[in-house]
Amino acid sequence: MRRALGLVGLSLLSRIMAFQITVNVVVPPELAGKTGKALLYVHDKMLADAPAGLAAEKALSMKDETLVLEADPNAEQVGKKAADMIQPAYYLSISGDVFADPAFSLSNGQVVTVTLRARSS
């Protein structure tokens, strides 16, 4: 019984704690002067076709850097916060003059490395 309560408590605690990832950004020299942002989105896997909600964003300095993105617990997808979703999930995207492959199914505390590329005209 105690163990079951511990698991329930741990599950509740993980929903209360902020979701955070670390992003190592690799910027090739030819991208100097470009602009971009790291975007962290939240979505419910049970709502596959609904637009994701923006949970965090940070401007890129356009040099190699490490960013910590902490999800806004009030970010919503179709009116639901992550704590209210059936299967909350997060993914990382890069926008602006540069891009990188998106990173899906991120875990809390995960470290992700992205290498930026120039967006084609």
PDB file of N, CA and C in Angstrom:
ATOM      1  N   MET A   1       0.821  -1.192   0.000  1.00  0.00           N
ATOM      2  CA  MET A   1       0.000   0.000   0.000  1.00  0.00           C
ATOM      3  C   MET A   1       0.866   1.256   0.000  1.00  0.00           C
ATOM      4  N   ARG A   2       1.896   1.276   0.858  1.00  0.00           N
ATOM      5  CA  ARG A   2       2.788   2.429   0.908  1.00  0.00           C
ATOM      6  C   ARG A   2       3.477   2.639  -0.424  1.00  0.00           C
ATOM      7  N   ARG A   3       3.907   1.538  -1.030  1.00  0.00           N
ATOM      8  CA  ARG A   3       4.603   1.640  -2.308  1.00  0.00           C
ATOM      9  C   ARG A   3       3.673   2.219  -3.380  1.00  0.00           C
ATOM     10  N   ALA A   4       2.434   1.772  -3.407  1.00  0.00           N
ATOM     11  CA  ALA A   4       1.463   2.291  -4.375  1.00  0.00           C
ATOM     12  C   ALA A   4       1.257   3.786  -4.164  1.00  0.00           C
ATOM     13  N   LEU A   5       1.145   4.212  -2.920  1.00  0.00           N
ATOM     14  CA  LEU A   5       0.995   5.637  -2.643  1.00  0.00           C
ATOM     15  C   LEU A   5       2.230   6.404  -3.077  1.00  0.00           C
ATOM     16  N   GLY A   6       3.396   5.802  -2.906  1.00  0.00           N
ATOM     17  CA  GLY A   6       4.636   6.446  -3.335  1.00  0.00           C
ATOM     18  C   GLY A   6       4.660   6.671  -4.832  1.00  0.00           C
ATOM     19  N   LEU A   7       4.199   5.687  -5.601  1.00  0.00           N
ATOM     20  CA  LEU A   7       4.161   5.828  -7.055  1.00  0.00           C
ATOM     21  C   LEU A   7       3.161   6.891  -7.475  1.00  0.00           C
ATOM     22  N   VAL A   8       2.021   6.932  -6.806  1.00  0.00           N
ATOM     23  CA  VAL A   8       1.025   7.963  -7.108  1.00  0.00           C
ATOM     24  C   VAL A   8       1.600   9.335  -6.782  1.00  0.00           C
ATOM     25  N   GLY A   9       2.238   9.447  -5.638  1.00  0.00           N
ATOM     26  CA  GLY A   9       2.859  10.712  -5.241  1.00  0.00           C
ATOM     27  C   GLY A   9       3.937  11.141  -6.217  1.00  0.00           C
ATOM     28  N   LEU A  10       4.738  10.189  -6.687  1.00  0.00           N
ATOM     29  CA  LEU A  10       5.793  10.490  -7.649  1.00  0.00           C
ATOM     30  C   LEU A  10       5.196  10.956  -8.970  1.00  0.00           C
ATOM     31  N   SER A  11       4.128  10.302  -9.400  1.00  0.00           N
ATOM     32  CA  SER A  11       3.455  10.705 -10.632  1.00  0.00           C
ATOM     33  C   SER A  11       2.911  12.120 -10.505  1.00  0.00           C
ATOM     34  N   LEU A  12       2.291  12.424  -9.379  1.00  0.00           N
ATOM     35  CA  LEU A  12       1.757  13.758  -9.146  1.00  0.00           C
ATOM     36  C   LEU A  12       2.882  14.780  -9.096  1.00  0.00           C
ATOM     37  N   LEU A  13       3.974  14.451  -8.418  1.00  0.00           N
ATOM     38  CA  LEU A  13       5.111  15.355  -8.323  1.00  0.00           C
ATOM     39  C   LEU A  13       5.682  15.656  -9.698  1.00  0.00           C
ATOM     40  N   SER A  14       5.793  14.649 -10.569  1.00  0.00           N
ATOM     41  CA  SER A  14       6.349  14.877 -11.901  1.00  0.00           C
ATOM     42  C   SER A  14       5.446  15.780 -12.726  1.00  0.00           C
ATOM     43  N   ARG A  15       4.144  15.763 -12.460  1.00  0.00           N
ATOM     44  CA  ARG A  15       3.221  16.656 -13.184  1.00  0.00           C
ATOM     45  C   ARG A  15       3.317  18.084 -12.654  1.00  0.00           C
ATOM     46  N   ILE A  16       3.686  18.244 -11.378  1.00  0.00           N
ATOM     47  CA  ILE A  16       3.784  19.573 -10.783  1.00  0.00           C
ATOM     48  C   ILE A  16       5.114  20.230 -11.139  1.00  0.00           C
ATOM     49  N   MET A  17       6.194  19.447 -11.160  1.00  0.00           N
ATOM     50  CA  MET A  17       7.515  19.992 -11.459  1.00  0.00           C
ATOM     51  C   MET A  17       7.560  20.501 -12.890  1.00  0.00           C
ATOM     52  N   ALA A  18       8.315  21.558 -13.105  1.00  0.00           N
ATOM     53  CA  ALA A  18       8.428  22.139 -14.440  1.00  0.00           C
ATOM     54  C   ALA A  18       9.191  21.204 -15.368  1.00  0.00           C
ATOM     55  N   PHE A  19       8.715  21.129 -16.599  1.00  0.00           N
ATOM     56  CA  PHE A  19       9.392  20.360 -17.634  1.00  0.00           C
ATOM     57  C   PHE A  19      10.539  21.218 -18.147  1.00  0.00           C
ATOM     58  N   GLN A  20      11.726  20.633 -18.216  1.00  0.00           N
ATOM     59  CA  GLN A  20      12.911  21.388 -18.624  1.00  0.00           C
ATOM     60  C   GLN A  20      13.804  20.517 -19.484  1.00  0.00           C
ATOM     61  N   ILE A  21      14.345  21.105 -20.557  1.00  0.00           N
ATOM     62  CA  ILE A  21      15.352  20.414 -21.361  1.00  0.00           C
ATOM     63  C   ILE A  21      16.545  21.341 -21.549  1.00  0.00           C
ATOM     64  N   THR A  22      17.682  20.737 -21.844  1.00  0.00           N
ATOM     65  CA  THR A  22      18.891  21.482 -22.168  1.00  0.00           C
ATOM     66  C   THR A  22      19.187  21.251 -23.636  1.00  0.00           C
ATOM     67  N   VAL A  23      19.465  22.335 -24.351  1.00  0.00           N
ATOM     68  CA  VAL A  23      19.727  22.257 -25.785  1.00  0.00           C
ATOM     69  C   VAL A  23      21.141  22.749 -26.058  1.00  0.00           C
ATOM     70  N   ASN A  24      21.986  21.861 -26.581  1.00  0.00           N
ATOM     71  CA  ASN A  24      23.313  22.258 -27.043  1.00  0.00           C
ATOM     72  C   ASN A  24      23.175  22.648 -28.504  1.00  0.00           C
ATOM     73  N   VAL A  25      23.456  23.909 -28.807  1.00  0.00           N
ATOM     74  CA  VAL A  25      23.289  24.434 -30.161  1.00  0.00           C
ATOM     75  C   VAL A  25      24.658  24.536 -30.821  1.00  0.00           C
ATOM     76  N   VAL A  26      24.795  23.876 -31.982  1.00  0.00           N
ATOM     77  CA  VAL A  26      26.036  23.924 -32.768  1.00  0.00           C
ATOM     78  C   VAL A  26      25.764  24.815 -33.972  1.00  0.00           C
ATOM     79  N   VAL A  27      26.580  25.873 -34.122  1.00  0.00           N
ATOM     80  CA  VAL A  27      26.367  26.855 -35.188  1.00  0.00           C
ATOM     81  C   VAL A  27      27.581  26.884 -36.113  1.00  0.00           C
ATOM     82  N   PRO A  28      27.434  26.426 -37.358  1.00  0.00           N
ATOM     83  CA  PRO A  28      28.537  26.519 -38.319  1.00  0.00           C
ATOM     84  C   PRO A  28      28.883  27.987 -38.592  1.00  0.00           C
ATOM     85  N   PRO A  29      30.163  28.307 -38.878  1.00  0.00           N
ATOM     86  CA  PRO A  29      30.601  29.695 -39.071  1.00  0.00           C
ATOM     87  C   PRO A  29      29.847  30.440 -40.176  1.00  0.00           C
ATOM     88  N   GLU A  30      29.400  29.735 -41.201  1.00  0.00           N
ATOM     89  CA  GLU A  30      28.725  30.413 -42.315  1.00  0.00           C
ATOM     90  C   GLU A  30      27.349  30.972 -41.934  1.00  0.00           C
ATOM     91  N   LEU A  31      26.885  30.707 -40.725  1.00  0.00           N
ATOM     92  CA  LEU A  31      25.575  31.207 -40.307  1.00  0.00           C
ATOM     93  C   LEU A  31      25.649  32.512 -39.520  1.00  0.00           C
ATOM     94  N   ALA A  32      26.837  33.121 -39.451  1.00  0.00           N
ATOM     95  CA  ALA A  32      26.983  34.404 -38.756  1.00  0.00           C
ATOM     96  C   ALA A  32      26.031  35.420 -39.376  1.00  0.00           C
ATOM     97  N   GLY A  33      25.363  36.186 -38.538  1.00  0.00           N
ATOM     98  CA  GLY A  33      24.438  37.205 -39.013  1.00  0.00           C
ATOM     99  C   GLY A  33      23.017  36.716 -39.218  1.00  0.00           C
ATOM    100  N   LYS A  34      22.799  35.428 -39.134  1.00  0.00           N
ATOM    101  CA  LYS A  34      21.446  34.871 -39.267  1.00  0.00           C
ATOM    102  C   LYS A  34      20.720  34.995 -37.923  1.00  0.00           C
ATOM    103  N   THR A  35      19.423  34.759 -37.929  1.00  0.00           N
ATOM    104  CA  THR A  35      18.642  34.812 -36.693  1.00  0.00           C
ATOM    105  C   THR A  35      17.821  33.537 -36.546  1.00  0.00           C
ATOM    106  N   GLY A  36      17.477  33.237 -35.320  1.00  0.00           N
ATOM    107  CA  GLY A  36      16.653  32.056 -35.080  1.00  0.00           C
ATOM    108  C   GLY A  36      16.208  31.976 -33.634  1.00  0.00           C
ATOM    109  N   LYS A  37      15.247  31.088 -33.397  1.00  0.00           N
ATOM    110  CA  LYS A  37      14.720  30.854 -32.050  1.00  0.00           C
ATOM    111  C   LYS A  37      14.571  29.366 -31.818  1.00  0.00           C
ATOM    112  N   ALA A  38      14.791  28.961 -30.581  1.00  0.00           N
ATOM    113  CA  ALA A  38      14.485  27.596 -30.155  1.00  0.00           C
ATOM    114  C   ALA A  38      13.080  27.634 -29.564  1.00  0.00           C
ATOM    115  N   LEU A  39      12.213  26.743 -30.047  1.00  0.00           N
ATOM    116  CA  LEU A  39      10.812  26.715 -29.625  1.00  0.00           C
ATOM    117  C   LEU A  39      10.481  25.350 -29.025  1.00  0.00           C
ATOM    118  N   LEU A  40       9.927  25.348 -27.832  1.00  0.00           N
ATOM    119  CA  LEU A  40       9.505  24.119 -27.167  1.00  0.00           C
ATOM    120  C   LEU A  40       7.980  24.090 -27.171  1.00  0.00           C
ATOM    121  N   TYR A  41       7.421  23.030 -27.725  1.00  0.00           N
ATOM    122  CA  TYR A  41       5.969  22.895 -27.839  1.00  0.00           C
ATOM    123  C   TYR A  41       5.463  21.759 -26.961  1.00  0.00           C
ATOM    124  N   VAL A  42       4.251  21.926 -26.453  1.00  0.00           N
ATOM    125  CA  VAL A  42       3.567  20.880 -25.697  1.00  0.00           C
ATOM    126  C   VAL A  42       2.351  20.436 -26.508  1.00  0.00           C
ATOM    127  N   HIS A  43       2.088  19.141 -26.472  1.00  0.00           N
ATOM    128  CA  HIS A  43       0.901  18.620 -27.152  1.00  0.00           C
ATOM    129  C   HIS A  43       0.465  17.327 -26.480  1.00  0.00           C
ATOM    130  N   ASP A  44      -0.785  16.995 -26.676  1.00  0.00           N
ATOM    131  CA  ASP A  44      -1.334  15.749 -26.154  1.00  0.00           C
ATOM    132  C   ASP A  44      -1.297  14.738 -27.292  1.00  0.00           C
ATOM    133  N   LYS A  45      -0.590  13.641 -27.094  1.00  0.00           N
ATOM    134  CA  LYS A  45      -0.498  12.624 -28.149  1.00  0.00           C
ATOM    135  C   LYS A  45      -1.868  12.078 -28.534  1.00  0.00           C
ATOM    136  N   MET A  46      -2.846  12.225 -27.659  1.00  0.00           N
ATOM    137  CA  MET A  46      -4.197  11.754 -27.963  1.00  0.00           C
ATOM    138  C   MET A  46      -4.937  12.705 -28.909  1.00  0.00           C
ATOM    139  N   LEU A  47      -4.383  13.905 -29.115  1.00  0.00           N
ATOM    140  CA  LEU A  47      -4.970  14.893 -30.031  1.00  0.00           C
ATOM    141  C   LEU A  47      -3.995  15.124 -31.176  1.00  0.00           C
ATOM    142  N   ALA A  48      -3.732  14.107 -31.928  1.00  0.00           N
ATOM    143  CA  ALA A  48      -2.666  14.121 -32.933  1.00  0.00           C
ATOM    144  C   ALA A  48      -2.768  15.257 -33.940  1.00  0.00           C
ATOM    145  N   ASP A  49      -3.974  15.656 -34.332  1.00  0.00           N
ATOM    146  CA  ASP A  49      -4.113  16.663 -35.376  1.00  0.00           C
ATOM    147  C   ASP A  49      -4.291  18.082 -34.857  1.00  0.00           C
ATOM    148  N   ALA A  50      -4.388  18.266 -33.554  1.00  0.00           N
ATOM    149  CA  ALA A  50      -4.573  19.611 -32.996  1.00  0.00           C
ATOM    150  C   ALA A  50      -3.235  20.342 -32.953  1.00  0.00           C
ATOM    151  N   PRO A  51      -3.236  21.658 -33.210  1.00  0.00           N
ATOM    152  CA  PRO A  51      -1.983  22.414 -33.151  1.00  0.00           C
ATOM    153  C   PRO A  51      -1.395  22.381 -31.739  1.00  0.00           C
ATOM    154  N   ALA A  52      -0.092  22.238 -31.651  1.00  0.00           N
ATOM    155  CA  ALA A  52       0.596  22.210 -30.359  1.00  0.00           C
ATOM    156  C   ALA A  52       0.617  23.613 -29.758  1.00  0.00           C
ATOM    157  N   GLY A  53       0.829  23.679 -28.445  1.00  0.00           N
ATOM    158  CA  GLY A  53       0.925  24.962 -27.758  1.00  0.00           C
ATOM    159  C   GLY A  53       2.377  25.319 -27.495  1.00  0.00           C
ATOM    160  N   LEU A  54       2.724  26.586 -27.684  1.00  0.00           N
ATOM    161  CA  LEU A  54       4.089  27.045 -27.431  1.00  0.00           C
ATOM    162  C   LEU A  54       4.312  27.104 -25.924  1.00  0.00           C
ATOM    163  N   ALA A  55       5.290  26.347 -25.434  1.00  0.00           N
ATOM    164  CA  ALA A  55       5.553  26.257 -23.998  1.00  0.00           C
ATOM    165  C   ALA A  55       6.779  27.061 -23.570  1.00  0.00           C
ATOM    166  N   ALA A  56       7.725  27.293 -24.494  1.00  0.00           N
ATOM    167  CA  ALA A  56       8.928  28.076 -24.178  1.00  0.00           C
ATOM    168  C   ALA A  56       9.609  28.484 -25.474  1.00  0.00           C
ATOM    169  N   GLU A  57      10.306  29.609 -25.432  1.00  0.00           N
ATOM    170  CA  GLU A  57      11.105  30.028 -26.586  1.00  0.00           C
ATOM    171  C   GLU A  57      12.281  30.866 -26.115  1.00  0.00           C
ATOM    172  N   LYS A  58      13.376  30.769 -26.844  1.00  0.00           N
ATOM    173  CA  LYS A  58      14.572  31.572 -26.568  1.00  0.00           C
ATOM    174  C   LYS A  58      15.227  31.917 -27.888  1.00  0.00           C
ATOM    175  N   ALA A  59      15.686  33.165 -27.984  1.00  0.00           N
ATOM    176  CA  ALA A  59      16.425  33.593 -29.168  1.00  0.00           C
ATOM    177  C   ALA A  59      17.792  32.918 -29.173  1.00  0.00           C
ATOM    178  N   LEU A  60      18.259  32.581 -30.359  1.00  0.00           N
ATOM    179  CA  LEU A  60      19.584  31.977 -30.509  1.00  0.00           C
ATOM    180  C   LEU A  60      20.617  33.080 -30.686  1.00  0.00           C
ATOM    181  N   SER A  61      21.782  32.925 -30.077  1.00  0.00           N
ATOM    182  CA  SER A  61      22.848  33.928 -30.179  1.00  0.00           C
ATOM    183  C   SER A  61      23.655  33.771 -31.461  1.00  0.00           C
ATOM    184  N   MET A  62      23.421  32.690 -32.182  1.00  0.00           N
ATOM    185  CA  MET A  62      24.126  32.354 -33.422  1.00  0.00           C
ATOM    186  C   MET A  62      25.612  32.097 -33.196  1.00  0.00           C
ATOM    187  N   LYS A  63      25.912  31.561 -32.036  1.00  0.00           N
ATOM    188  CA  LYS A  63      27.225  30.986 -31.748  1.00  0.00           C
ATOM    189  C   LYS A  63      26.946  29.729 -30.946  1.00  0.00           C
ATOM    190  N   ASP A  64      27.913  28.826 -30.877  1.00  0.00           N
ATOM    191  CA  ASP A  64      27.704  27.608 -30.095  1.00  0.00           C
ATOM    192  C   ASP A  64      27.300  28.002 -28.673  1.00  0.00           C
ATOM    193  N   GLU A  65      26.240  27.395 -28.188  1.00  0.00           N
ATOM    194  CA  GLU A  65      25.746  27.754 -26.860  1.00  0.00           C
ATOM    195  C   GLU A  65      24.928  26.610 -26.281  1.00  0.00           C
ATOM    196  N   THR A  66      24.676  26.717 -24.993  1.00  0.00           N
ATOM    197  CA  THR A  66      23.797  25.778 -24.307  1.00  0.00           C
ATOM    198  C   THR A  66      22.632  26.574 -23.741  1.00  0.00           C
ATOM    199  N   LEU A  67      21.432  26.157 -24.105  1.00  0.00           N
ATOM    200  CA  LEU A  67      20.207  26.810 -23.630  1.00  0.00           C
ATOM    201  C   LEU A  67      19.455  25.872 -22.703  1.00  0.00           C
ATOM    202  N   VAL A  68      18.810  26.439 -21.717  1.00  0.00           N
ATOM    203  CA  VAL A  68      17.890  25.670 -20.883  1.00  0.00           C
ATOM    204  C   VAL A  68      16.499  26.220 -21.164  1.00  0.00           C
ATOM    205  N   LEU A  69      15.630  25.353 -21.641  1.00  0.00           N
ATOM    206  CA  LEU A  69      14.243  25.739 -21.909  1.00  0.00           C
ATOM    207  C   LEU A  69      13.356  25.102 -20.849  1.00  0.00           C
ATOM    208  N   GLU A  70      12.632  25.947 -20.125  1.00  0.00           N
ATOM    209  CA  GLU A  70      11.701  25.460 -19.108  1.00  0.00           C
ATOM    210  C   GLU A  70      10.286  25.753 -19.589  1.00  0.00           C
ATOM    211  N   ALA A  71       9.487  24.724 -19.675  1.00  0.00           N
ATOM    212  CA  ALA A  71       8.124  24.868 -20.183  1.00  0.00           C
ATOM    213  C   ALA A  71       7.259  25.674 -19.226  1.00  0.00           C
ATOM    214  N   ASP A  72       6.478  26.565 -19.790  1.00  0.00           N
ATOM    215  CA  ASP A  72       5.488  27.310 -19.022  1.00  0.00           C
ATOM    216  C   ASP A  72       4.380  26.323 -18.634  1.00  0.00           C
ATOM    217  N   PRO A  73       4.143  26.111 -17.335  1.00  0.00           N
ATOM    218  CA  PRO A  73       3.114  25.141 -16.936  1.00  0.00           C
ATOM    219  C   PRO A  73       1.706  25.579 -17.341  1.00  0.00           C
ATOM    220  N   ASN A  74       1.547  26.844 -17.718  1.00  0.00           N
ATOM    221  CA  ASN A  74       0.244  27.350 -18.150  1.00  0.00           C
ATOM    222  C   ASN A  74       0.052  27.281 -19.659  1.00  0.00           C
ATOM    223  N   ALA A  75       1.067  26.811 -20.392  1.00  0.00           N
ATOM    224  CA  ALA A  75       0.928  26.665 -21.846  1.00  0.00           C
ATOM    225  C   ALA A  75      -0.169  25.654 -22.129  1.00  0.00           C
ATOM    226  N   GLU A  76      -0.955  25.929 -23.159  1.00  0.00           N
ATOM    227  CA  GLU A  76      -2.108  25.078 -23.447  1.00  0.00           C
ATOM    228  C   GLU A  76      -2.147  24.618 -24.895  1.00  0.00           C
ATOM    229  N   GLN A  77      -2.753  23.481 -25.081  1.00  0.00           N
ATOM    230  CA  GLN A  77      -3.139  22.991 -26.401  1.00  0.00           C
ATOM    231  C   GLN A  77      -4.651  22.801 -26.332  1.00  0.00           C
ATOM    232  N   VAL A  78      -5.358  23.444 -27.208  1.00  0.00           N
ATOM    233  CA  VAL A  78      -6.831  23.436 -27.230  1.00  0.00           C
ATOM    234  C   VAL A  78      -7.447  23.518 -25.824  1.00  0.00           C
ATOM    235  N   GLY A  79      -6.944  24.479 -25.035  1.00  0.00           N
ATOM    236  CA  GLY A  79      -7.519  24.742 -23.723  1.00  0.00           C
ATOM    237  C   GLY A  79      -7.070  23.844 -22.589  1.00  0.00           C
ATOM    238  N   LYS A  80      -6.144  22.919 -22.841  1.00  0.00           N
ATOM    239  CA  LYS A  80      -5.670  22.025 -21.781  1.00  0.00           C
ATOM    240  C   LYS A  80      -4.187  22.253 -21.503  1.00  0.00           C
ATOM    241  N   LYS A  81      -3.862  22.351 -20.214  1.00  0.00           N
ATOM    242  CA  LYS A  81      -2.470  22.434 -19.784  1.00  0.00           C
ATOM    243  C   LYS A  81      -1.900  21.021 -19.752  1.00  0.00           C
ATOM    244  N   ALA A  82      -0.574  20.914 -19.743  1.00  0.00           N
ATOM    245  CA  ALA A  82       0.077  19.597 -19.743  1.00  0.00           C
ATOM    246  C   ALA A  82      -0.428  18.728 -18.594  1.00  0.00           C
ATOM    247  N   ALA A  83      -0.649  19.333 -17.429  1.00  0.00           N
ATOM    248  CA  ALA A  83      -1.110  18.567 -16.263  1.00  0.00           C
ATOM    249  C   ALA A  83      -2.495  17.962 -16.477  1.00  0.00           C
ATOM    250  N   ASP A  84      -3.255  18.512 -17.421  1.00  0.00           N
ATOM    251  CA  ASP A  84      -4.611  18.026 -17.686  1.00  0.00           C
ATOM    252  C   ASP A  84      -4.693  17.125 -18.915  1.00  0.00           C
ATOM    253  N   MET A  85      -3.577  16.949 -19.613  1.00  0.00           N
ATOM    254  CA  MET A  85      -3.576  16.148 -20.843  1.00  0.00           C
ATOM    255  C   MET A  85      -3.510  14.659 -20.528  1.00  0.00           C
ATOM    256  N   ILE A  86      -4.022  13.848 -21.443  1.00  0.00           N
ATOM    257  CA  ILE A  86      -3.992  12.399 -21.275  1.00  0.00           C
ATOM    258  C   ILE A  86      -2.577  11.872 -21.486  1.00  0.00           C
ATOM    259  N   GLN A  87      -1.927  12.286 -22.575  1.00  0.00           N
ATOM    260  CA  GLN A  87      -0.549  11.873 -22.876  1.00  0.00           C
ATOM    261  C   GLN A  87       0.269  13.096 -23.265  1.00  0.00           C
ATOM    262  N   PRO A  88       0.669  13.934 -22.274  1.00  0.00           N
ATOM    263  CA  PRO A  88       1.433  15.128 -22.628  1.00  0.00           C
ATOM    264  C   PRO A  88       2.794  14.755 -23.208  1.00  0.00           C
ATOM    265  N   ALA A  89       3.203  15.512 -24.202  1.00  0.00           N
ATOM    266  CA  ALA A  89       4.499  15.288 -24.841  1.00  0.00           C
ATOM    267  C   ALA A  89       5.056  16.641 -25.274  1.00  0.00           C
ATOM    268  N   TYR A  90       6.364  16.686 -25.460  1.00  0.00           N
ATOM    269  CA  TYR A  90       7.033  17.924 -25.855  1.00  0.00           C
ATOM    270  C   TYR A  90       7.917  17.666 -27.063  1.00  0.00           C
ATOM    271  N   TYR A  91       8.074  18.707 -27.880  1.00  0.00           N
ATOM    272  CA  TYR A  91       9.043  18.625 -28.966  1.00  0.00           C
ATOM    273  C   TYR A  91       9.701  19.979 -29.170  1.00  0.00           C
ATOM    274  N   LEU A  92      10.897  19.945 -29.751  1.00  0.00           N
ATOM    275  CA  LEU A  92      11.719  21.129 -29.983  1.00  0.00           C
ATOM    276  C   LEU A  92      11.777  21.415 -31.468  1.00  0.00           C
ATOM    277  N   SER A  93      11.649  22.687 -31.812  1.00  0.00           N
ATOM    278  CA  SER A  93      11.741  23.121 -33.200  1.00  0.00           C
ATOM    279  C   SER A  93      12.596  24.387 -33.239  1.00  0.00           C
ATOM    280  N   ILE A  94      13.209  24.650 -34.378  1.00  0.00           N
ATOM    281  CA  ILE A  94      13.999  25.865 -34.581  1.00  0.00           C
ATOM    282  C   ILE A  94      13.332  26.665 -35.687  1.00  0.00           C
ATOM    283  N   SER A  95      13.165  27.972 -35.473  1.00  0.00           N
ATOM    284  CA  SER A  95      12.561  28.811 -36.508  1.00  0.00           C
ATOM    285  C   SER A  95      13.467  30.001 -36.808  1.00  0.00           C
ATOM    286  N   GLY A  96      13.221  30.656 -37.923  1.00  0.00           N
ATOM    287  CA  GLY A  96      13.986  31.838 -38.312  1.00  0.00           C
ATOM    288  C   GLY A  96      14.725  31.605 -39.611  1.00  0.00           C
ATOM    289  N   ASP A  97      15.880  32.273 -39.753  1.00  0.00           N
ATOM    290  CA  ASP A  97      16.719  32.127 -40.948  1.00  0.00           C
ATOM    291  C   ASP A  97      17.414  30.771 -40.991  1.00  0.00           C
ATOM    292  N   VAL A  98      17.394  30.072 -39.868  1.00  0.00           N
ATOM    293  CA  VAL A  98      18.086  28.785 -39.739  1.00  0.00           C
ATOM    294  C   VAL A  98      17.076  27.716 -39.336  1.00  0.00           C
ATOM    295  N   PHE A  99      17.487  26.461 -39.440  1.00  0.00           N
ATOM    296  CA  PHE A  99      16.626  25.375 -38.976  1.00  0.00           C
ATOM    297  C   PHE A  99      17.496  24.213 -38.537  1.00  0.00           C
ATOM    298  N   ALA A 100      16.867  23.277 -37.887  1.00  0.00           N
ATOM    299  CA  ALA A 100      17.492  22.016 -37.490  1.00  0.00           C
ATOM    300  C   ALA A 100      16.374  20.989 -37.467  1.00  0.00           C
ATOM    301  N   ASP A 101      16.736  19.731 -37.552  1.00  0.00           N
ATOM    302  CA  ASP A 101      15.716  18.687 -37.472  1.00  0.00           C
ATOM    303  C   ASP A 101      15.003  18.804 -36.128  1.00  0.00           C
ATOM    304  N   PRO A 102      13.677  18.682 -36.116  1.00  0.00           N
ATOM    305  CA  PRO A 102      12.961  18.749 -34.837  1.00  0.00           C
ATOM    306  C   PRO A 102      13.309  17.550 -33.952  1.00  0.00           C
ATOM    307  N   ALA A 103      13.196  17.746 -32.657  1.00  0.00           N
ATOM    308  CA  ALA A 103      13.423  16.665 -31.689  1.00  0.00           C
ATOM    309  C   ALA A 103      12.082  16.362 -31.027  1.00  0.00           C
ATOM    310  N   PHE A 104      11.595  15.132 -31.196  1.00  0.00           N
ATOM    311  CA  PHE A 104      10.283  14.731 -30.692  1.00  0.00           C
ATOM    312  C   PHE A 104      10.404  13.857 -29.451  1.00  0.00           C
ATOM    313  N   SER A 105       9.300  13.698 -28.743  1.00  0.00           N
ATOM    314  CA  SER A 105       9.188  12.809 -27.574  1.00  0.00           C
ATOM    315  C   SER A 105      10.277  13.085 -26.547  1.00  0.00           C
ATOM    316  N   LEU A 106      10.437  14.347 -26.201  1.00  0.00           N
ATOM    317  CA  LEU A 106      11.465  14.736 -25.242  1.00  0.00           C
ATOM    318  C   LEU A 106      11.066  14.337 -23.824  1.00  0.00           C
ATOM    319  N   SER A 107      12.071  14.021 -23.018  1.00  0.00           N
ATOM    320  CA  SER A 107      11.864  13.665 -21.613  1.00  0.00           C
ATOM    321  C   SER A 107      12.333  14.810 -20.735  1.00  0.00           C
ATOM    322  N   ASN A 108      11.720  14.943 -19.576  1.00  0.00           N
ATOM    323  CA  ASN A 108      12.128  15.975 -18.636  1.00  0.00           C
ATOM    324  C   ASN A 108      13.597  15.772 -18.266  1.00  0.00           C
ATOM    325  N   GLY A 109      14.375  16.841 -18.353  1.00  0.00           N
ATOM    326  CA  GLY A 109      15.789  16.783 -18.025  1.00  0.00           C
ATOM    327  C   GLY A 109      16.687  16.334 -19.165  1.00  0.00           C
ATOM    328  N   GLN A 110      16.113  16.002 -20.296  1.00  0.00           N
ATOM    329  CA  GLN A 110      16.892  15.498 -21.434  1.00  0.00           C
ATOM    330  C   GLN A 110      17.813  16.579 -21.993  1.00  0.00           C
ATOM    331  N   VAL A 111      18.970  16.147 -22.488  1.00  0.00           N
ATOM    332  CA  VAL A 111      19.914  17.025 -23.178  1.00  0.00           C
ATOM    333  C   VAL A 111      19.857  16.681 -24.655  1.00  0.00           C
ATOM    334  N   VAL A 112      19.636  17.700 -25.487  1.00  0.00           N
ATOM    335  CA  VAL A 112      19.497  17.525 -26.929  1.00  0.00           C
ATOM    336  C   VAL A 112      20.557  18.372 -27.617  1.00  0.00           C
ATOM    337  N   THR A 113      21.191  17.837 -28.646  1.00  0.00           N
ATOM    338  CA  THR A 113      22.133  18.614 -29.448  1.00  0.00           C
ATOM    339  C   THR A 113      21.535  18.842 -30.819  1.00  0.00           C
ATOM    340  N   VAL A 114      21.513  20.114 -31.250  1.00  0.00           N
ATOM    341  CA  VAL A 114      21.014  20.451 -32.582  1.00  0.00           C
ATOM    342  C   VAL A 114      22.109  21.183 -33.344  1.00  0.00           C
ATOM    343  N   THR A 115      22.262  20.845 -34.612  1.00  0.00           N
ATOM    344  CA  THR A 115      23.202  21.532 -35.495  1.00  0.00           C
ATOM    345  C   THR A 115      22.385  22.355 -36.476  1.00  0.00           C
ATOM    346  N   LEU A 116      22.602  23.659 -36.452  1.00  0.00           N
ATOM    347  CA  LEU A 116      21.828  24.557 -37.295  1.00  0.00           C
ATOM    348  C   LEU A 116      22.282  24.483 -38.745  1.00  0.00           C
ATOM    349  N   ARG A 117      21.323  24.724 -39.643  1.00  0.00           N
ATOM    350  CA  ARG A 117      21.602  24.795 -41.082  1.00  0.00           C
ATOM    351  C   ARG A 117      20.885  26.018 -41.626  1.00  0.00           C
ATOM    352  N   ALA A 118      21.396  26.545 -42.741  1.00  0.00           N
ATOM    353  CA  ALA A 118      20.751  27.699 -43.376  1.00  0.00           C
ATOM    354  C   ALA A 118      19.473  27.243 -44.050  1.00  0.00           C
ATOM    355  N   ARG A 119      18.448  28.053 -43.922  1.00  0.00           N
ATOM    356  CA  ARG A 119      17.182  27.777 -44.605  1.00  0.00           C
ATOM    357  C   ARG A 119      17.348  28.157 -46.068  1.00  0.00           C
ATOM    358  N   SER A 120      16.868  27.322 -46.963  1.00  0.00           N
ATOM    359  CA  SER A 120      16.965  27.608 -48.398  1.00  0.00           C
ATOM    360  C   SER A 120      16.049  28.768 -48.753  1.00  0.00           C
ATOM    361  N   SER A 121      16.474  29.565 -49.733  1.00  0.00           N
ATOM    362  CA  SER A 121      15.654  30.712 -50.166  1.00  0.00           C
ATOM    363  C   SER A 121      14.523  30.273 -51.036  1.00  0.00           C
TER     364      SER A 121
END
